[in-house]
Amino acid sequence: MDLKENTGAAFKNDKKGNDKAPEYKGAINVDGTEKQIALWVSESKKGTKYFSIKISDAYKPENLPQAKDIEVEESDDLPF
């Protein structure tokens, strides 16, 4: 997501797989650094609803191994 500095956006989590997953997910840009945000709808003891928020480092797909970096063992023993 390309965010202007000191702005952010959160969207409803349509892929919520369990009760602990956030209701909303998104990103924020804090002083030029992009972060991920997760939000849960919570309720205080007095019944006031609020967002509980977690901020973490942005997901970086370049940290994943690339196909060229994965060694594949070749064999002549093919079953077909």
Protein backbone atom coordinates (compact mmCIF):
# COMPACT_ATOMS: atom_id res chain seq x y z
CA MET A 1 0.00 0.00 0.00
CA ASP A 2 1.40 3.40 -0.93
CA LEU A 3 0.49 5.70 1.96
CA LYS A 4 1.30 9.34 2.52
CA GLU A 5 3.43 10.01 5.58
CA ASN A 6 1.55 9.83 8.90
CA THR A 7 -1.61 8.35 7.38
CA GLY A 8 -3.15 4.89 7.35
CA ALA A 9 -6.08 2.70 6.39
CA ALA A 10 -7.80 -0.37 7.87
CA PHE A 11 -10.24 -2.74 6.19
CA LYS A 12 -12.65 -5.40 7.45
CA ASN A 13 -10.88 -8.77 7.71
CA ASP A 14 -12.92 -11.00 5.37
CA LYS A 15 -10.53 -13.93 5.92
CA LYS A 16 -10.95 -14.16 9.69
CA GLY A 17 -10.08 -17.79 10.44
CA ASN A 18 -10.50 -17.89 14.23
CA ASP A 19 -11.78 -15.89 17.22
CA LYS A 20 -8.35 -14.37 17.91
CA ALA A 21 -7.92 -12.97 14.40
CA PRO A 22 -8.38 -9.19 14.09
CA GLU A 23 -11.69 -7.77 12.86
CA TYR A 24 -9.79 -5.15 10.82
CA LYS A 25 -6.34 -5.10 9.20
CA GLY A 26 -4.39 -2.43 7.40
CA ALA A 27 -1.28 -0.31 7.21
CA ILE A 28 0.00 3.00 8.53
CA ASN A 29 2.94 5.17 7.59
CA VAL A 30 4.65 6.64 10.65
CA ASP A 31 7.33 9.22 9.81
CA GLY A 32 8.13 7.45 6.53
CA THR A 33 8.11 3.89 7.91
CA GLU A 34 5.27 1.59 6.87
CA LYS A 35 3.79 -0.62 9.60
CA GLN A 36 0.96 -3.17 9.69
CA ILE A 37 -1.99 -2.63 12.01
CA ALA A 38 -4.52 -5.08 13.39
CA LEU A 39 -7.68 -3.96 15.19
CA TRP A 40 -10.09 -5.83 17.44
CA VAL A 41 -13.45 -4.46 18.61
CA SER A 42 -13.44 -4.60 22.42
CA GLU A 43 -15.80 -3.47 25.17
CA SER A 44 -14.92 -1.79 28.46
CA LYS A 45 -16.41 -2.84 31.79
CA LYS A 46 -18.81 0.13 31.48
CA GLY A 47 -19.98 -1.14 28.07
CA THR A 48 -18.15 1.38 25.91
CA LYS A 49 -16.91 -0.12 22.65
CA TYR A 50 -13.39 0.70 21.47
CA PHE A 51 -10.65 -0.60 19.16
CA SER A 52 -7.74 -2.56 20.58
CA ILE A 53 -4.81 -2.01 18.21
CA LYS A 54 -1.56 -3.88 17.50
CA ILE A 55 1.20 -2.36 15.37
CA SER A 56 3.94 -4.51 13.82
CA ASP A 57 6.61 -4.27 11.13
CA ALA A 58 5.26 -4.35 7.59
CA TYR A 59 5.21 -7.67 5.74
CA LYS A 60 8.09 -7.84 3.28
CA PRO A 61 7.67 -10.53 0.59
CA GLU A 62 11.31 -10.07 -0.49
CA ASN A 63 12.31 -12.03 2.64
CA LEU A 64 10.76 -15.17 1.17
CA PRO A 65 13.05 -17.58 -0.72
CA GLN A 66 12.92 -17.15 -4.47
CA ALA A 67 12.54 -20.11 -6.83
CA LYS A 68 16.09 -19.58 -8.09
CA ASP A 69 17.38 -19.96 -4.50
CA ILE A 70 15.69 -23.31 -3.85
CA GLU A 71 17.75 -26.41 -4.62
CA VAL A 72 15.90 -29.16 -6.45
CA GLU A 73 17.22 -32.70 -6.37
CA GLU A 74 17.06 -34.22 -9.83
CA SER A 75 16.53 -37.92 -10.32
CA ASP A 76 16.20 -40.30 -13.25
CA ASP A 77 13.80 -42.48 -11.23
CA LEU A 78 10.59 -40.87 -12.49
CA PRO A 79 7.41 -42.90 -11.94
CA PHE A 80 6.13 -42.20 -15.46
